Amino acid sequence: MDEALIRDQLVDVLQTIQRESGYGEIPISCDTCPLDDLEKFDTKIAPVAITLLAKATGIPIPNRKNIFVSKDGRQRLTIDQIVHGVCKLAQEGM
């Protein structure tokens, strides 16, 4: 799957969540870390974003997979890192 397309869909999902949560729209770039940079975006909101992204892309993302943190859970990921991980999931699903 095309990384640019996944990036666009991820940014759209995150901006929609921010806007609908009443936090307004902020610029989201490749270096944005949603868990650090988006207001009130946390592990309670992340599953909603993951579900919306899976629906938008058609890429099955396992229920227990948190695409916003590293595999060991120690690092919060940027948009580019998240996109890379989702592309990898898409390739594994083929």
Protein backbone atom coordinates (compact mmCIF):
# COMPACT_ATOMS: atom_id res chain seq x y z
CA MET A 1 0.00 0.00 0.00
CA ASP A 2 1.12 3.52 -0.77
CA GLU A 3 2.70 5.26 2.25
CA ALA A 4 1.49 8.69 1.12
CA LEU A 5 -2.09 7.44 0.99
CA ILE A 6 -1.86 5.87 4.45
CA ARG A 7 -0.27 9.07 5.80
CA ASP A 8 -3.07 11.19 4.35
CA GLN A 9 -5.72 8.89 5.82
CA LEU A 10 -4.01 8.80 9.22
CA VAL A 11 -3.76 12.60 9.33
CA ASP A 12 -7.41 12.88 8.30
CA VAL A 13 -8.47 10.47 11.07
CA LEU A 14 -6.45 12.33 13.69
CA GLN A 15 -7.69 15.75 12.59
CA THR A 16 -11.28 14.50 12.62
CA ILE A 17 -10.89 13.16 16.16
CA GLN A 18 -9.32 16.42 17.33
CA ARG A 19 -12.00 18.54 15.68
CA GLU A 20 -14.92 16.40 16.90
CA SER A 21 -13.46 16.38 20.41
CA GLY A 22 -13.56 20.17 20.41
CA TYR A 23 -9.79 20.73 20.32
CA GLY A 24 -9.70 22.42 16.94
CA GLU A 25 -7.49 21.56 14.03
CA ILE A 26 -3.74 21.74 14.37
CA PRO A 27 -1.18 21.07 11.65
CA ILE A 28 0.01 17.46 11.65
CA SER A 29 3.33 16.68 9.96
CA CYS A 30 5.49 13.61 9.45
CA ASP A 31 7.27 14.38 12.72
CA THR A 32 4.11 14.83 14.79
CA CYS A 33 3.83 12.37 17.66
CA PRO A 34 0.09 11.99 18.30
CA LEU A 35 0.52 10.82 21.92
CA ASP A 36 2.73 13.84 22.70
CA ASP A 37 1.54 16.55 20.33
CA LEU A 38 -2.24 16.20 20.08
CA GLU A 39 -4.37 17.58 22.87
CA LYS A 40 -5.96 14.87 25.03
CA PHE A 41 -4.91 12.13 22.60
CA ASP A 42 -4.07 9.15 24.78
CA THR A 43 -4.36 5.38 25.05
CA LYS A 44 -8.13 5.69 25.52
CA ILE A 45 -8.55 7.54 22.21
CA ALA A 46 -5.92 5.56 20.27
CA PRO A 47 -8.15 2.47 19.71
CA VAL A 48 -10.80 4.68 18.09
CA ALA A 49 -8.20 6.14 15.74
CA ILE A 50 -6.86 2.67 14.94
CA THR A 51 -10.34 1.39 14.09
CA LEU A 52 -11.08 4.41 11.89
CA LEU A 53 -7.73 4.05 10.11
CA ALA A 54 -8.30 0.33 9.51
CA LYS A 55 -11.70 1.09 7.99
CA ALA A 56 -10.32 3.93 5.85
CA THR A 57 -7.40 1.91 4.50
CA GLY A 58 -8.91 -1.58 4.45
CA ILE A 59 -5.83 -2.82 6.30
CA PRO A 60 -6.68 -5.23 9.10
CA ILE A 61 -5.01 -4.02 12.29
CA PRO A 62 -5.15 -6.57 15.14
CA ASN A 63 -7.24 -5.50 18.15
CA ARG A 64 -4.31 -5.60 20.55
CA LYS A 65 -1.93 -3.75 18.21
CA ASN A 66 -1.23 -0.19 19.32
CA ILE A 67 0.24 1.46 16.24
CA PHE A 68 1.08 4.61 18.23
CA VAL A 69 3.85 3.04 20.32
CA SER A 70 6.87 0.87 19.58
CA LYS A 71 6.61 -2.90 19.81
CA ASP A 72 8.10 -2.87 23.32
CA GLY A 73 5.77 -0.02 24.35
CA ARG A 74 8.62 2.27 25.39
CA GLN A 75 8.63 4.77 22.53
CA ARG A 76 5.81 6.96 21.30
CA LEU A 77 5.86 6.99 17.51
CA THR A 78 5.70 9.80 14.97
CA ILE A 79 3.35 9.88 11.99
CA ASP A 80 6.09 8.55 9.67
CA GLN A 81 6.92 5.71 12.07
CA ILE A 82 3.23 4.82 12.39
CA VAL A 83 2.77 4.84 8.61
CA HIS A 84 5.79 2.58 8.16
CA GLY A 85 4.36 0.12 10.71
CA VAL A 86 0.92 0.11 9.06
CA CYS A 87 2.52 -0.53 5.65
CA LYS A 88 4.37 -3.45 7.17
CA LEU A 89 1.09 -4.82 8.55
CA ALA A 90 -0.45 -4.49 5.09
CA GLN A 91 2.41 -6.43 3.50
CA GLU A 92 2.17 -9.17 6.13
CA GLY A 93 -1.57 -9.46 5.48
CA MET A 94 -1.08 -10.11 1.75
